[in-house]
């Protein structure tokens, strides 16, 4: 994780988490869907910026019908998708089923909007 640590120490505002599997941290989930990776970024590396997924419709995770919900639950702030209409429905369904807490969605939105506002003010 030295490159991430160095970037965070230099003031990185966002981290894009790819779909590779980091066996030494979480051998079961792609990094973009791994709560362990996000826990490491937030709690061990003290990253307070925006965590972004790579496109969830890429081959590495596109077969996972639950990828969007998993991405939210893992701790991503910004979910990148090709089919945004289906993805919005997946998130709504996750909220309706009680899998995703509505406050989680609100926190994601606030974090991304705060970043946007910050960038506009620079």
Protein backbone atom coordinates (compact mmCIF):
# COMPACT_ATOMS: atom_id res chain seq x y z
CA UNK A 1 0.00 0.00 0.00
CA UNK A 2 2.96 2.43 -0.14
CA UNK A 3 1.69 4.21 -3.28
CA UNK A 4 -1.69 4.87 -1.65
CA UNK A 5 -0.02 6.03 1.57
CA UNK A 6 2.26 8.39 -0.34
CA UNK A 7 -0.64 9.79 -2.37
CA UNK A 8 -2.76 10.33 0.72
CA UNK A 9 0.12 12.02 2.53
CA UNK A 10 0.52 14.35 -0.46
CA UNK A 11 -3.15 15.34 -0.29
CA UNK A 12 -4.95 13.06 -2.74
CA UNK A 13 -8.60 14.07 -2.78
CA UNK A 14 -9.89 10.84 -4.33
CA UNK A 15 -8.89 7.23 -4.79
CA UNK A 16 -10.19 5.04 -7.59
CA UNK A 17 -10.45 1.45 -6.41
CA UNK A 18 -10.06 -1.06 -9.21
CA UNK A 19 -11.54 -4.52 -9.53
CA UNK A 20 -8.35 -6.46 -8.88
CA UNK A 21 -8.24 -8.96 -6.04
CA UNK A 22 -5.59 -8.26 -3.42
CA UNK A 23 -5.22 -11.71 -1.88
CA UNK A 24 -3.16 -10.49 1.06
CA UNK A 25 -6.04 -8.22 2.15
CA UNK A 26 -9.23 -9.83 0.78
CA UNK A 27 -8.89 -12.92 -1.36
CA UNK A 28 -12.62 -13.19 -1.99
CA UNK A 29 -13.70 -9.77 -3.25
CA UNK A 30 -12.43 -7.38 -5.89
CA UNK A 31 -10.96 -4.31 -4.20
CA UNK A 32 -13.87 -2.17 -5.44
CA UNK A 33 -16.35 -4.40 -3.56
CA UNK A 34 -14.19 -5.17 -0.54
CA UNK A 35 -15.11 -3.71 2.86
CA UNK A 36 -11.61 -4.73 4.03
CA UNK A 37 -9.93 -2.52 1.41
CA UNK A 38 -12.14 0.42 2.31
CA UNK A 39 -11.53 -0.14 6.02
CA UNK A 40 -7.79 -0.06 5.32
CA UNK A 41 -8.07 3.19 3.36
CA UNK A 42 -10.26 4.92 5.93
CA UNK A 43 -8.91 3.61 9.23
CA UNK A 44 -5.32 2.55 8.64
CA UNK A 45 -4.31 5.16 6.05
CA UNK A 46 -6.69 7.82 7.42
CA UNK A 47 -8.06 8.68 3.97
CA UNK A 48 -10.90 11.18 4.27
CA UNK A 49 -11.42 11.88 0.58
CA UNK A 50 -13.75 10.37 -1.99
CA UNK A 51 -13.44 6.67 -2.83
CA UNK A 52 -14.52 5.90 -6.39
CA UNK A 53 -15.16 2.56 -8.07
CA UNK A 54 -13.99 1.72 -11.53
CA UNK A 55 -16.91 1.02 -13.90
CA UNK A 56 -18.97 -1.81 -12.42
CA UNK A 57 -19.94 -2.97 -15.90
CA UNK A 58 -16.36 -3.95 -16.73
CA UNK A 59 -15.69 -7.64 -17.26
CA UNK A 60 -14.09 -8.21 -13.86
CA UNK A 61 -17.34 -7.62 -11.93
CA UNK A 62 -20.06 -7.34 -14.59
CA UNK A 63 -21.30 -10.87 -13.94
CA UNK A 64 -22.03 -10.05 -10.30
CA UNK A 65 -25.71 -9.04 -10.32
CA UNK A 66 -25.27 -7.50 -6.87
CA UNK A 67 -22.14 -5.45 -7.66
CA UNK A 68 -23.76 -2.03 -7.24
CA UNK A 69 -25.18 -2.87 -3.81
CA UNK A 70 -21.89 -4.46 -2.77
CA UNK A 71 -20.04 -1.33 -3.92
CA UNK A 72 -22.25 0.86 -1.73
CA UNK A 73 -21.92 -1.47 1.25
CA UNK A 74 -18.14 -1.71 0.84
CA UNK A 75 -17.80 2.02 1.45
CA UNK A 76 -17.43 3.66 -1.94
CA UNK A 77 -18.60 7.26 -2.18
CA UNK A 78 -18.95 7.47 -5.94
CA UNK A 79 -20.13 4.49 -7.99
CA UNK A 80 -19.12 4.51 -11.66
CA UNK A 81 -21.47 2.55 -13.94
CA UNK A 82 -22.31 2.37 -17.60
CA UNK A 83 -25.99 1.50 -17.07
CA UNK A 84 -26.95 4.15 -14.53
CA UNK A 85 -30.71 3.53 -14.87
CA UNK A 86 -30.39 -0.13 -13.80
CA UNK A 87 -27.87 0.80 -11.11
CA UNK A 88 -30.20 3.41 -9.59
CA UNK A 89 -32.92 0.77 -9.46
CA UNK A 90 -30.52 -1.69 -7.81
CA UNK A 91 -29.68 0.87 -5.12
CA UNK A 92 -33.35 1.73 -4.58
CA UNK A 93 -34.15 -1.98 -4.26
CA UNK A 94 -31.30 -2.38 -1.78
CA UNK A 95 -32.76 0.44 0.34
CA UNK A 96 -36.31 -1.00 0.12
CA UNK A 97 -35.04 -4.44 1.16
CA UNK A 98 -33.19 -2.92 4.11
CA UNK A 99 -29.78 -3.97 2.81
CA UNK A 100 -28.66 -0.37 2.34
CA UNK A 101 -29.31 2.23 5.00
CA UNK A 102 -30.78 5.41 3.52
CA UNK A 103 -28.35 7.43 5.64
CA UNK A 104 -25.49 5.71 3.80
CA UNK A 105 -26.78 7.09 0.49
CA UNK A 106 -27.19 10.55 2.01
CA UNK A 107 -23.63 10.44 3.38
CA UNK A 108 -22.28 9.40 -0.03
CA UNK A 109 -24.13 12.27 -1.71
CA UNK A 110 -22.91 14.79 0.87
CA UNK A 111 -19.30 13.67 0.49
CA UNK A 112 -19.39 13.94 -3.31
CA UNK A 113 -21.23 17.29 -3.24
CA UNK A 114 -18.76 18.66 -0.66
CA UNK A 115 -15.88 17.62 -2.93
CA UNK A 116 -17.58 19.27 -5.92
CA UNK A 117 -18.14 22.46 -3.92
CA UNK A 118 -14.55 22.45 -2.72
CA UNK A 119 -13.26 22.05 -6.29
CA UNK A 120 -15.46 24.93 -7.50
CA UNK A 121 -14.14 27.21 -4.76
CA UNK A 122 -10.49 26.61 -5.65
